[in-house]
Amino acid sequence: MGADCTLTAARARIVVAEMNERMPRAMGDTFLHLSQITALVPTCRPLVELHAEPPTKCTRASRRHVAALIPDGATLQVGIGGIPNAVLARLSSTRIWACTAKCVPMGWCR
């Protein structure tokens, strides 16, 4: 069950939950006790992955400008998409102290 719906499910009269053994465990307020689940559907399906697209001419120009503004030791908050991926990939030689994101952009993983 996704962490974003656990608290809502805990208050529902009927809860149908899919339990995919491939899904990594998330910490925090993300747990439901089995007694709170009406029906459990076990699965072992591959997780959906978002693959980064190659940077466009506009994205390459944007990443040069943005990357030039980020000093060593900066803390970044980034989103997902072509520009954040391209900027983070461009910062490979910059020392970033922290990066906050709801999802980890592919550019951060390079």
PDB file of N, CA and C in Angstrom:
ATOM      1  N   MET A   1       0.853  -1.168   0.000  1.00  0.00           N
ATOM      2  CA  MET A   1       0.000   0.000   0.000  1.00  0.00           C
ATOM      3  C   MET A   1       0.896   1.227   0.000  1.00  0.00           C
ATOM      4  N   GLY A   2       0.571   2.182  -0.812  1.00  0.00           N
ATOM      5  CA  GLY A   2       1.363   3.396  -0.885  1.00  0.00           C
ATOM      6  C   GLY A   2       1.270   4.203   0.399  1.00  0.00           C
ATOM      7  N   ALA A   3       2.362   4.838   0.759  1.00  0.00           N
ATOM      8  CA  ALA A   3       2.415   5.629   1.984  1.00  0.00           C
ATOM      9  C   ALA A   3       1.416   6.778   1.963  1.00  0.00           C
ATOM     10  N   ASP A   4       1.035   7.229   0.777  1.00  0.00           N
ATOM     11  CA  ASP A   4       0.128   8.376   0.678  1.00  0.00           C
ATOM     12  C   ASP A   4      -1.322   8.021   0.999  1.00  0.00           C
ATOM     13  N   CYS A   5      -1.681   6.753   1.061  1.00  0.00           N
ATOM     14  CA  CYS A   5      -3.074   6.402   1.315  1.00  0.00           C
ATOM     15  C   CYS A   5      -3.265   5.563   2.568  1.00  0.00           C
ATOM     16  N   THR A   6      -2.223   5.275   3.313  1.00  0.00           N
ATOM     17  CA  THR A   6      -2.333   4.410   4.481  1.00  0.00           C
ATOM     18  C   THR A   6      -3.246   4.980   5.551  1.00  0.00           C
ATOM     19  N   LEU A   7      -3.115   6.262   5.872  1.00  0.00           N
ATOM     20  CA  LEU A   7      -3.941   6.850   6.917  1.00  0.00           C
ATOM     21  C   LEU A   7      -5.411   6.869   6.530  1.00  0.00           C
ATOM     22  N   THR A   8      -5.712   7.114   5.258  1.00  0.00           N
ATOM     23  CA  THR A   8      -7.097   7.077   4.783  1.00  0.00           C
ATOM     24  C   THR A   8      -7.647   5.662   4.874  1.00  0.00           C
ATOM     25  N   ALA A   9      -6.857   4.682   4.477  1.00  0.00           N
ATOM     26  CA  ALA A   9      -7.287   3.284   4.529  1.00  0.00           C
ATOM     27  C   ALA A   9      -7.557   2.840   5.958  1.00  0.00           C
ATOM     28  N   ALA A  10      -6.801   3.360   6.914  1.00  0.00           N
ATOM     29  CA  ALA A  10      -6.969   2.967   8.309  1.00  0.00           C
ATOM     30  C   ALA A  10      -8.355   3.359   8.835  1.00  0.00           C
ATOM     31  N   ARG A  11      -8.981   4.368   8.226  1.00  0.00           N
ATOM     32  CA  ARG A  11     -10.303   4.838   8.663  1.00  0.00           C
ATOM     33  C   ARG A  11     -11.455   4.261   7.826  1.00  0.00           C
ATOM     34  N   ALA A  12     -11.119   3.527   6.772  1.00  0.00           N
ATOM     35  CA  ALA A  12     -12.154   3.021   5.868  1.00  0.00           C
ATOM     36  C   ALA A  12     -12.854   1.792   6.447  1.00  0.00           C
ATOM     37  N   ARG A  13     -14.130   1.597   6.058  1.00  0.00           N
ATOM     38  CA  ARG A  13     -14.886   0.414   6.495  1.00  0.00           C
ATOM     39  C   ARG A  13     -14.365  -0.841   5.820  1.00  0.00           C
ATOM     40  N   ILE A  14     -14.057  -0.738   4.510  1.00  0.00           N
ATOM     41  CA  ILE A  14     -13.569  -1.884   3.732  1.00  0.00           C
ATOM     42  C   ILE A  14     -12.230  -1.493   3.116  1.00  0.00           C
ATOM     43  N   VAL A  15     -11.235  -2.330   3.328  1.00  0.00           N
ATOM     44  CA  VAL A  15      -9.891  -2.070   2.793  1.00  0.00           C
ATOM     45  C   VAL A  15      -9.438  -3.289   1.994  1.00  0.00           C
ATOM     46  N   VAL A  16      -9.188  -3.072   0.705  1.00  0.00           N
ATOM     47  CA  VAL A  16      -8.621  -4.100  -0.165  1.00  0.00           C
ATOM     48  C   VAL A  16      -7.194  -3.647  -0.461  1.00  0.00           C
ATOM     49  N   ALA A  17      -6.220  -4.460  -0.086  1.00  0.00           N
ATOM     50  CA  ALA A  17      -4.816  -4.069  -0.238  1.00  0.00           C
ATOM     51  C   ALA A  17      -4.075  -5.073  -1.115  1.00  0.00           C
ATOM     52  N   GLU A  18      -3.250  -4.533  -2.016  1.00  0.00           N
ATOM     53  CA  GLU A  18      -2.352  -5.367  -2.819  1.00  0.00           C
ATOM     54  C   GLU A  18      -1.012  -5.410  -2.110  1.00  0.00           C
ATOM     55  N   MET A  19      -0.473  -6.596  -1.918  1.00  0.00           N
ATOM     56  CA  MET A  19       0.823  -6.748  -1.271  1.00  0.00           C
ATOM     57  C   MET A  19       1.806  -7.328  -2.300  1.00  0.00           C
ATOM     58  N   ASN A  20       2.648  -6.462  -2.854  1.00  0.00           N
ATOM     59  CA  ASN A  20       3.620  -6.874  -3.865  1.00  0.00           C
ATOM     60  C   ASN A  20       4.951  -7.120  -3.163  1.00  0.00           C
ATOM     61  N   GLU A  21       5.441  -8.339  -3.225  1.00  0.00           N
ATOM     62  CA  GLU A  21       6.692  -8.671  -2.527  1.00  0.00           C
ATOM     63  C   GLU A  21       7.910  -7.943  -3.106  1.00  0.00           C
ATOM     64  N   ARG A  22       7.767  -7.340  -4.279  1.00  0.00           N
ATOM     65  CA  ARG A  22       8.876  -6.590  -4.881  1.00  0.00           C
ATOM     66  C   ARG A  22       8.921  -5.125  -4.422  1.00  0.00           C
ATOM     67  N   MET A  23       7.871  -4.679  -3.767  1.00  0.00           N
ATOM     68  CA  MET A  23       7.805  -3.282  -3.327  1.00  0.00           C
ATOM     69  C   MET A  23       8.689  -3.088  -2.094  1.00  0.00           C
ATOM     70  N   PRO A  24       9.599  -2.110  -2.134  1.00  0.00           N
ATOM     71  CA  PRO A  24      10.442  -1.876  -0.955  1.00  0.00           C
ATOM     72  C   PRO A  24       9.601  -1.323   0.198  1.00  0.00           C
ATOM     73  N   ARG A  25      10.023  -1.587   1.394  1.00  0.00           N
ATOM     74  CA  ARG A  25       9.316  -1.106   2.585  1.00  0.00           C
ATOM     75  C   ARG A  25       9.615   0.367   2.795  1.00  0.00           C
ATOM     76  N   ALA A  26       8.576   1.129   3.077  1.00  0.00           N
ATOM     77  CA  ALA A  26       8.731   2.549   3.391  1.00  0.00           C
ATOM     78  C   ALA A  26       8.515   2.728   4.888  1.00  0.00           C
ATOM     79  N   MET A  27       9.293   3.589   5.505  1.00  0.00           N
ATOM     80  CA  MET A  27       9.168   3.822   6.940  1.00  0.00           C
ATOM     81  C   MET A  27       8.206   4.993   7.188  1.00  0.00           C
ATOM     82  N   GLY A  28       7.818   5.171   8.418  1.00  0.00           N
ATOM     83  CA  GLY A  28       6.910   6.260   8.774  1.00  0.00           C
ATOM     84  C   GLY A  28       5.518   5.720   9.071  1.00  0.00           C
ATOM     85  N   ASP A  29       4.499   6.555   8.921  1.00  0.00           N
ATOM     86  CA  ASP A  29       3.111   6.152   9.174  1.00  0.00           C
ATOM     87  C   ASP A  29       2.561   5.422   7.959  1.00  0.00           C
ATOM     88  N   THR A  30       3.162   4.282   7.648  1.00  0.00           N
ATOM     89  CA  THR A  30       2.791   3.571   6.423  1.00  0.00           C
ATOM     90  C   THR A  30       2.305   2.150   6.683  1.00  0.00           C
ATOM     91  N   PHE A  31       2.063   1.798   7.917  1.00  0.00           N
ATOM     92  CA  PHE A  31       1.734   0.417   8.233  1.00  0.00           C
ATOM     93  C   PHE A  31       0.267   0.259   8.611  1.00  0.00           C
ATOM     94  N   LEU A  32      -0.341  -0.811   8.128  1.00  0.00           N
ATOM     95  CA  LEU A  32      -1.662  -1.241   8.561  1.00  0.00           C
ATOM     96  C   LEU A  32      -1.506  -2.636   9.138  1.00  0.00           C
ATOM     97  N   HIS A  33      -2.186  -2.904  10.228  1.00  0.00           N
ATOM     98  CA  HIS A  33      -2.184  -4.244  10.790  1.00  0.00           C
ATOM     99  C   HIS A  33      -3.099  -5.114   9.922  1.00  0.00           C
ATOM    100  N   LEU A  34      -2.795  -6.394   9.806  1.00  0.00           N
ATOM    101  CA  LEU A  34      -3.613  -7.305   8.995  1.00  0.00           C
ATOM    102  C   LEU A  34      -5.076  -7.290   9.423  1.00  0.00           C
ATOM    103  N   SER A  35      -5.337  -7.030  10.698  1.00  0.00           N
ATOM    104  CA  SER A  35      -6.723  -6.991  11.174  1.00  0.00           C
ATOM    105  C   SER A  35      -7.502  -5.804  10.597  1.00  0.00           C
ATOM    106  N   GLN A  36      -6.800  -4.817  10.033  1.00  0.00           N
ATOM    107  CA  GLN A  36      -7.452  -3.647   9.443  1.00  0.00           C
ATOM    108  C   GLN A  36      -7.750  -3.837   7.951  1.00  0.00           C
ATOM    109  N   ILE A  37      -7.330  -4.963   7.379  1.00  0.00           N
ATOM    110  CA  ILE A  37      -7.485  -5.215   5.946  1.00  0.00           C
ATOM    111  C   ILE A  37      -8.597  -6.233   5.731  1.00  0.00           C
ATOM    112  N   THR A  38      -9.575  -5.882   4.891  1.00  0.00           N
ATOM    113  CA  THR A  38     -10.705  -6.755   4.584  1.00  0.00           C
ATOM    114  C   THR A  38     -10.285  -7.864   3.623  1.00  0.00           C
ATOM    115  N   ALA A  39      -9.564  -7.500   2.566  1.00  0.00           N
ATOM    116  CA  ALA A  39      -9.112  -8.485   1.573  1.00  0.00           C
ATOM    117  C   ALA A  39      -7.680  -8.138   1.170  1.00  0.00           C
ATOM    118  N   LEU A  40      -6.834  -9.156   1.152  1.00  0.00           N
ATOM    119  CA  LEU A  40      -5.418  -8.975   0.805  1.00  0.00           C
ATOM    120  C   LEU A  40      -5.144  -9.708  -0.505  1.00  0.00           C
ATOM    121  N   VAL A  41      -4.534  -8.994  -1.471  1.00  0.00           N
ATOM    122  CA  VAL A  41      -4.227  -9.574  -2.777  1.00  0.00           C
ATOM    123  C   VAL A  41      -2.706  -9.654  -2.919  1.00  0.00           C
ATOM    124  N   PRO A  42      -2.121 -10.838  -2.729  1.00  0.00           N
ATOM    125  CA  PRO A  42      -0.664 -10.962  -2.881  1.00  0.00           C
ATOM    126  C   PRO A  42      -0.263 -10.987  -4.356  1.00  0.00           C
ATOM    127  N   THR A  43       0.797 -10.253  -4.705  1.00  0.00           N
ATOM    128  CA  THR A  43       1.302 -10.236  -6.084  1.00  0.00           C
ATOM    129  C   THR A  43       2.826 -10.233  -6.065  1.00  0.00           C
ATOM    130  N   CYS A  44       3.381 -10.465  -7.239  1.00  0.00           N
ATOM    131  CA  CYS A  44       4.834 -10.394  -7.413  1.00  0.00           C
ATOM    132  C   CYS A  44       5.104  -9.786  -8.792  1.00  0.00           C
ATOM    133  N   ARG A  45       4.519  -8.608  -9.030  1.00  0.00           N
ATOM    134  CA  ARG A  45       4.656  -7.952 -10.333  1.00  0.00           C
ATOM    135  C   ARG A  45       5.851  -7.008 -10.333  1.00  0.00           C
ATOM    136  N   PRO A  46       6.491  -6.836 -11.485  1.00  0.00           N
ATOM    137  CA  PRO A  46       7.576  -5.848 -11.577  1.00  0.00           C
ATOM    138  C   PRO A  46       7.032  -4.448 -11.286  1.00  0.00           C
ATOM    139  N   LEU A  47       7.835  -3.638 -10.638  1.00  0.00           N
ATOM    140  CA  LEU A  47       7.441  -2.266 -10.329  1.00  0.00           C
ATOM    141  C   LEU A  47       7.580  -1.387 -11.564  1.00  0.00           C
ATOM    142  N   VAL A  48       6.740  -0.395 -11.672  1.00  0.00           N
ATOM    143  CA  VAL A  48       6.781   0.538 -12.792  1.00  0.00           C
ATOM    144  C   VAL A  48       7.991   1.453 -12.622  1.00  0.00           C
ATOM    145  N   GLU A  49       8.747   1.631 -13.681  1.00  0.00           N
ATOM    146  CA  GLU A  49       9.926   2.510 -13.649  1.00  0.00           C
ATOM    147  C   GLU A  49       9.766   3.629 -14.659  1.00  0.00           C
ATOM    148  N   LEU A  50      10.206   4.799 -14.284  1.00  0.00           N
ATOM    149  CA  LEU A  50      10.197   5.945 -15.184  1.00  0.00           C
ATOM    150  C   LEU A  50      11.618   6.126 -15.707  1.00  0.00           C
ATOM    151  N   HIS A  51      11.785   5.967 -16.999  1.00  0.00           N
ATOM    152  CA  HIS A  51      13.105   6.112 -17.604  1.00  0.00           C
ATOM    153  C   HIS A  51      13.273   7.536 -18.132  1.00  0.00           C
ATOM    154  N   ALA A  52      14.430   8.110 -17.861  1.00  0.00           N
ATOM    155  CA  ALA A  52      14.696   9.481 -18.305  1.00  0.00           C
ATOM    156  C   ALA A  52      14.858   9.533 -19.823  1.00  0.00           C
ATOM    157  N   GLU A  53      14.304  10.587 -20.399  1.00  0.00           N
ATOM    158  CA  GLU A  53      14.466  10.801 -21.832  1.00  0.00           C
ATOM    159  C   GLU A  53      15.764  11.559 -22.075  1.00  0.00           C
ATOM    160  N   PRO A  54      16.371  11.411 -23.254  1.00  0.00           N
ATOM    161  CA  PRO A  54      17.599  12.153 -23.543  1.00  0.00           C
ATOM    162  C   PRO A  54      17.318  13.659 -23.510  1.00  0.00           C
ATOM    163  N   PRO A  55      18.296  14.455 -23.036  1.00  0.00           N
ATOM    164  CA  PRO A  55      18.071  15.898 -22.955  1.00  0.00           C
ATOM    165  C   PRO A  55      17.882  16.531 -24.331  1.00  0.00           C
ATOM    166  N   THR A  56      16.987  17.505 -24.400  1.00  0.00           N
ATOM    167  CA  THR A  56      16.745  18.247 -25.635  1.00  0.00           C
ATOM    168  C   THR A  56      17.724  19.426 -25.692  1.00  0.00           C
ATOM    169  N   LYS A  57      17.716  20.137 -26.800  1.00  0.00           N
ATOM    170  CA  LYS A  57      18.566  21.322 -26.956  1.00  0.00           C
ATOM    171  C   LYS A  57      18.224  22.357 -25.870  1.00  0.00           C
ATOM    172  N   CYS A  58      16.947  22.545 -25.626  1.00  0.00           N
ATOM    173  CA  CYS A  58      16.486  23.495 -24.602  1.00  0.00           C
ATOM    174  C   CYS A  58      16.925  23.047 -23.198  1.00  0.00           C
ATOM    175  N   THR A  59      16.802  21.756 -22.918  1.00  0.00           N
ATOM    176  CA  THR A  59      17.198  21.223 -21.608  1.00  0.00           C
ATOM    177  C   THR A  59      18.693  21.387 -21.387  1.00  0.00           C
ATOM    178  N   ARG A  60      19.502  21.121 -22.419  1.00  0.00           N
ATOM    179  CA  ARG A  60      20.960  21.274 -22.286  1.00  0.00           C
ATOM    180  C   ARG A  60      21.327  22.723 -22.005  1.00  0.00           C
ATOM    181  N   ALA A  61      20.671  23.666 -22.669  1.00  0.00           N
ATOM    182  CA  ALA A  61      20.943  25.089 -22.432  1.00  0.00           C
ATOM    183  C   ALA A  61      20.519  25.483 -21.018  1.00  0.00           C
ATOM    184  N   SER A  62      19.366  24.997 -20.578  1.00  0.00           N
ATOM    185  CA  SER A  62      18.873  25.306 -19.233  1.00  0.00           C
ATOM    186  C   SER A  62      19.813  24.769 -18.170  1.00  0.00           C
ATOM    187  N   ARG A  63      20.291  23.536 -18.351  1.00  0.00           N
ATOM    188  CA  ARG A  63      21.149  22.947 -17.310  1.00  0.00           C
ATOM    189  C   ARG A  63      22.460  23.698 -17.173  1.00  0.00           C
ATOM    190  N   ARG A  64      22.996  24.222 -18.271  1.00  0.00           N
ATOM    191  CA  ARG A  64      24.242  25.005 -18.180  1.00  0.00           C
ATOM    192  C   ARG A  64      24.015  26.262 -17.342  1.00  0.00           C
ATOM    193  N   HIS A  65      22.919  26.957 -17.609  1.00  0.00           N
ATOM    194  CA  HIS A  65      22.622  28.196 -16.885  1.00  0.00           C
ATOM    195  C   HIS A  65      22.341  27.929 -15.404  1.00  0.00           C
ATOM    196  N   VAL A  66      21.516  26.933 -15.125  1.00  0.00           N
ATOM    197  CA  VAL A  66      21.142  26.630 -13.744  1.00  0.00           C
ATOM    198  C   VAL A  66      22.343  26.098 -12.964  1.00  0.00           C
ATOM    199  N   ALA A  67      23.084  25.172 -13.542  1.00  0.00           N
ATOM    200  CA  ALA A  67      24.232  24.581 -12.849  1.00  0.00           C
ATOM    201  C   ALA A  67      25.268  25.640 -12.479  1.00  0.00           C
ATOM    202  N   ALA A  68      25.412  26.662 -13.304  1.00  0.00           N
ATOM    203  CA  ALA A  68      26.383  27.730 -13.020  1.00  0.00           C
ATOM    204  C   ALA A  68      25.988  28.544 -11.785  1.00  0.00           C
ATOM    205  N   LEU A  69      24.738  28.490 -11.385  1.00  0.00           N
ATOM    206  CA  LEU A  69      24.253  29.259 -10.237  1.00  0.00           C
ATOM    207  C   LEU A  69      24.357  28.505  -8.912  1.00  0.00           C
ATOM    208  N   ILE A  70      24.707  27.227  -8.944  1.00  0.00           N
ATOM    209  CA  ILE A  70      24.702  26.397  -7.735  1.00  0.00           C
ATOM    210  C   ILE A  70      26.117  26.241  -7.197  1.00  0.00           C
ATOM    211  N   PRO A  71      26.393  26.804  -6.003  1.00  0.00           N
ATOM    212  CA  PRO A  71      27.739  26.712  -5.435  1.00  0.00           C
ATOM    213  C   PRO A  71      27.974  25.371  -4.733  1.00  0.00           C
ATOM    214  N   ASP A  72      29.231  25.045  -4.493  1.00  0.00           N
ATOM    215  CA  ASP A  72      29.559  23.868  -3.684  1.00  0.00           C
ATOM    216  C   ASP A  72      28.905  24.014  -2.318  1.00  0.00           C
ATOM    217  N   GLY A  73      28.400  22.917  -1.777  1.00  0.00           N
ATOM    218  CA  GLY A  73      27.787  22.927  -0.458  1.00  0.00           C
ATOM    219  C   GLY A  73      26.335  23.337  -0.446  1.00  0.00           C
ATOM    220  N   ALA A  74      25.743  23.526  -1.612  1.00  0.00           N
ATOM    221  CA  ALA A  74      24.351  23.969  -1.681  1.00  0.00           C
ATOM    222  C   ALA A  74      23.401  22.846  -1.268  1.00  0.00           C
ATOM    223  N   THR A  75      22.236  23.232  -0.793  1.00  0.00           N
ATOM    224  CA  THR A  75      21.146  22.301  -0.536  1.00  0.00           C
ATOM    225  C   THR A  75      20.101  22.546  -1.617  1.00  0.00           C
ATOM    226  N   LEU A  76      19.694  21.481  -2.289  1.00  0.00           N
ATOM    227  CA  LEU A  76      18.753  21.614  -3.396  1.00  0.00           C
ATOM    228  C   LEU A  76      17.439  20.918  -3.081  1.00  0.00           C
ATOM    229  N   GLN A  77      16.354  21.477  -3.582  1.00  0.00           N
ATOM    230  CA  GLN A  77      15.077  20.782  -3.616  1.00  0.00           C
ATOM    231  C   GLN A  77      14.711  20.695  -5.085  1.00  0.00           C
ATOM    232  N   VAL A  78      14.537  19.480  -5.564  1.00  0.00           N
ATOM    233  CA  VAL A  78      14.311  19.279  -6.992  1.00  0.00           C
ATOM    234  C   VAL A  78      13.020  18.504  -7.229  1.00  0.00           C
ATOM    235  N   GLY A  79      12.531  18.604  -8.433  1.00  0.00           N
ATOM    236  CA  GLY A  79      11.358  17.851  -8.851  1.00  0.00           C
ATOM    237  C   GLY A  79      11.782  16.718  -9.761  1.00  0.00           C
ATOM    238  N   ILE A  80      10.841  16.244 -10.550  1.00  0.00           N
ATOM    239  CA  ILE A  80      11.165  15.198 -11.515  1.00  0.00           C
ATOM    240  C   ILE A  80      10.953  15.765 -12.906  1.00  0.00           C
ATOM    241  N   GLY A  81      11.645  15.200 -13.865  1.00  0.00           N
ATOM    242  CA  GLY A  81      11.500  15.654 -15.241  1.00  0.00           C
ATOM    243  C   GLY A  81      12.842  15.886 -15.892  1.00  0.00           C
ATOM    244  N   GLY A  82      12.791  16.357 -17.122  1.00  0.00           N
ATOM    245  CA  GLY A  82      14.001  16.526 -17.924  1.00  0.00           C
ATOM    246  C   GLY A  82      14.981  17.538 -17.366  1.00  0.00           C
ATOM    247  N   ILE A  83      14.499  18.704 -16.940  1.00  0.00           N
ATOM    248  CA  ILE A  83      15.427  19.741 -16.477  1.00  0.00           C
ATOM    249  C   ILE A  83      16.096  19.354 -15.154  1.00  0.00           C
ATOM    250  N   PRO A  84      15.359  18.891 -14.118  1.00  0.00           N
ATOM    251  CA  PRO A  84      16.055  18.460 -12.906  1.00  0.00           C
ATOM    252  C   PRO A  84      17.068  17.344 -13.174  1.00  0.00           C
ATOM    253  N   ASN A  85      16.697  16.374 -14.017  1.00  0.00           N
ATOM    254  CA  ASN A  85      17.641  15.293 -14.352  1.00  0.00           C
ATOM    255  C   ASN A  85      18.898  15.852 -14.990  1.00  0.00           C
ATOM    256  N   ALA A  86      18.731  16.756 -15.951  1.00  0.00           N
ATOM    257  CA  ALA A  86      19.879  17.313 -16.665  1.00  0.00           C
ATOM    258  C   ALA A  86      20.747  18.156 -15.747  1.00  0.00           C
ATOM    259  N   VAL A  87      20.136  18.974 -14.891  1.00  0.00           N
ATOM    260  CA  VAL A  87      20.910  19.826 -13.977  1.00  0.00           C
ATOM    261  C   VAL A  87      21.699  18.967 -13.002  1.00  0.00           C
ATOM    262  N   LEU A  88      21.065  17.964 -12.408  1.00  0.00           N
ATOM    263  CA  LEU A  88      21.769  17.114 -11.448  1.00  0.00           C
ATOM    264  C   LEU A  88      22.906  16.347 -12.107  1.00  0.00           C
ATOM    265  N   ALA A  89      22.690  15.895 -13.335  1.00  0.00           N
ATOM    266  CA  ALA A  89      23.767  15.193 -14.055  1.00  0.00           C
ATOM    267  C   ALA A  89      24.936  16.139 -14.318  1.00  0.00           C
ATOM    268  N   ARG A  90      24.630  17.389 -14.574  1.00  0.00           N
ATOM    269  CA  ARG A  90      25.675  18.398 -14.845  1.00  0.00           C
ATOM    270  C   ARG A  90      26.466  18.731 -13.583  1.00  0.00           C
ATOM    271  N   LEU A  91      25.883  18.513 -12.409  1.00  0.00           N
ATOM    272  CA  LEU A  91      26.534  18.860 -11.142  1.00  0.00           C
ATOM    273  C   LEU A  91      27.402  17.742 -10.581  1.00  0.00           C
ATOM    274  N   SER A  92      27.804  16.809 -11.403  1.00  0.00           N
ATOM    275  CA  SER A  92      28.555  15.657 -10.903  1.00  0.00           C
ATOM    276  C   SER A  92      29.850  16.039 -10.204  1.00  0.00           C
ATOM    277  N   SER A  93      30.441  17.170 -10.549  1.00  0.00           N
ATOM    278  CA  SER A  93      31.693  17.570  -9.895  1.00  0.00           C
ATOM    279  C   SER A  93      31.444  18.550  -8.742  1.00  0.00           C
ATOM    280  N   THR A  94      30.209  18.946  -8.520  1.00  0.00           N
ATOM    281  CA  THR A  94      29.872  19.875  -7.442  1.00  0.00           C
ATOM    282  C   THR A  94      29.538  19.090  -6.188  1.00  0.00           C
ATOM    283  N   ARG A  95      29.974  19.589  -5.050  1.00  0.00           N
ATOM    284  CA  ARG A  95      29.639  18.933  -3.784  1.00  0.00           C
ATOM    285  C   ARG A  95      28.315  19.490  -3.273  1.00  0.00           C
ATOM    286  N   ILE A  96      27.310  18.648  -3.274  1.00  0.00           N
ATOM    287  CA  ILE A  96      25.984  19.038  -2.794  1.00  0.00           C
ATOM    288  C   ILE A  96      25.846  18.461  -1.389  1.00  0.00           C
ATOM    289  N   TRP A  97      25.452  19.271  -0.438  1.00  0.00           N
ATOM    290  CA  TRP A  97      25.324  18.801   0.939  1.00  0.00           C
ATOM    291  C   TRP A  97      24.016  18.054   1.172  1.00  0.00           C
ATOM    292  N   ALA A  98      22.964  18.462   0.485  1.00  0.00           N
ATOM    293  CA  ALA A  98      21.676  17.794   0.680  1.00  0.00           C
ATOM    294  C   ALA A  98      20.803  18.004  -0.542  1.00  0.00           C
ATOM    295  N   CYS A  99      19.944  17.048  -0.767  1.00  0.00           N
ATOM    296  CA  CYS A  99      18.977  17.152  -1.854  1.00  0.00           C
ATOM    297  C   CYS A  99      17.670  16.593  -1.324  1.00  0.00           C
ATOM    298  N   THR A 100      16.599  17.378  -1.383  1.00  0.00           N
ATOM    299  CA  THR A 100      15.305  16.893  -0.920  1.00  0.00           C
ATOM    300  C   THR A 100      14.393  16.723  -2.123  1.00  0.00           C
ATOM    301  N   ALA A 101      13.680  15.624  -2.142  1.00  0.00           N
ATOM    302  CA  ALA A 101      12.770  15.343  -3.249  1.00  0.00           C
ATOM    303  C   ALA A 101      11.775  14.290  -2.802  1.00  0.00           C
ATOM    304  N   LYS A 102      10.571  14.305  -3.375  1.00  0.00           N
ATOM    305  CA  LYS A 102       9.601  13.248  -3.103  1.00  0.00           C
ATOM    306  C   LYS A 102      10.005  11.972  -3.823  1.00  0.00           C
ATOM    307  N   CYS A 103      10.601  12.128  -4.991  1.00  0.00           N
ATOM    308  CA  CYS A 103      11.135  11.017  -5.763  1.00  0.00           C
ATOM    309  C   CYS A 103      12.595  11.338  -6.046  1.00  0.00           C
ATOM    310  N   VAL A 104      13.432  10.337  -6.141  1.00  0.00           N
ATOM    311  CA  VAL A 104      14.838  10.579  -6.452  1.00  0.00           C
ATOM    312  C   VAL A 104      14.986  10.682  -7.957  1.00  0.00           C
ATOM    313  N   PRO A 105      15.336  11.875  -8.471  1.00  0.00           N
ATOM    314  CA  PRO A 105      15.505  12.036  -9.915  1.00  0.00           C
ATOM    315  C   PRO A 105      16.676  11.204 -10.431  1.00  0.00           C
ATOM    316  N   MET A 106      16.564  10.705 -11.662  1.00  0.00           N
ATOM    317  CA  MET A 106      17.603   9.861 -12.246  1.00  0.00           C
ATOM    318  C   MET A 106      18.935  10.599 -12.328  1.00  0.00           C
ATOM    319  N   GLY A 107      18.916  11.912 -12.533  1.00  0.00           N
ATOM    320  CA  GLY A 107      20.162  12.677 -12.614  1.00  0.00           C
ATOM    321  C   GLY A 107      20.979  12.606 -11.340  1.00  0.00           C
ATOM    322  N   TRP A 108      20.329  12.414 -10.211  1.00  0.00           N
ATOM    323  CA  TRP A 108      21.012  12.317  -8.929  1.00  0.00           C
ATOM    324  C   TRP A 108      21.770  10.994  -8.814  1.00  0.00           C
ATOM    325  N   CYS A 109      21.292   9.981  -9.522  1.00  0.00           N
ATOM    326  CA  CYS A 109      21.864   8.633  -9.422  1.00  0.00           C
ATOM    327  C   CYS A 109      23.102   8.447 -10.294  1.00  0.00           C
ATOM    328  N   ARG A 110      23.440   9.400 -11.116  1.00  0.00           N
ATOM    329  CA  ARG A 110      24.579   9.228 -12.019  1.00  0.00           C
ATOM    330  C   ARG A 110      25.868   9.546 -11.318  1.00  0.00           C
TER     331      ARG A 110
END
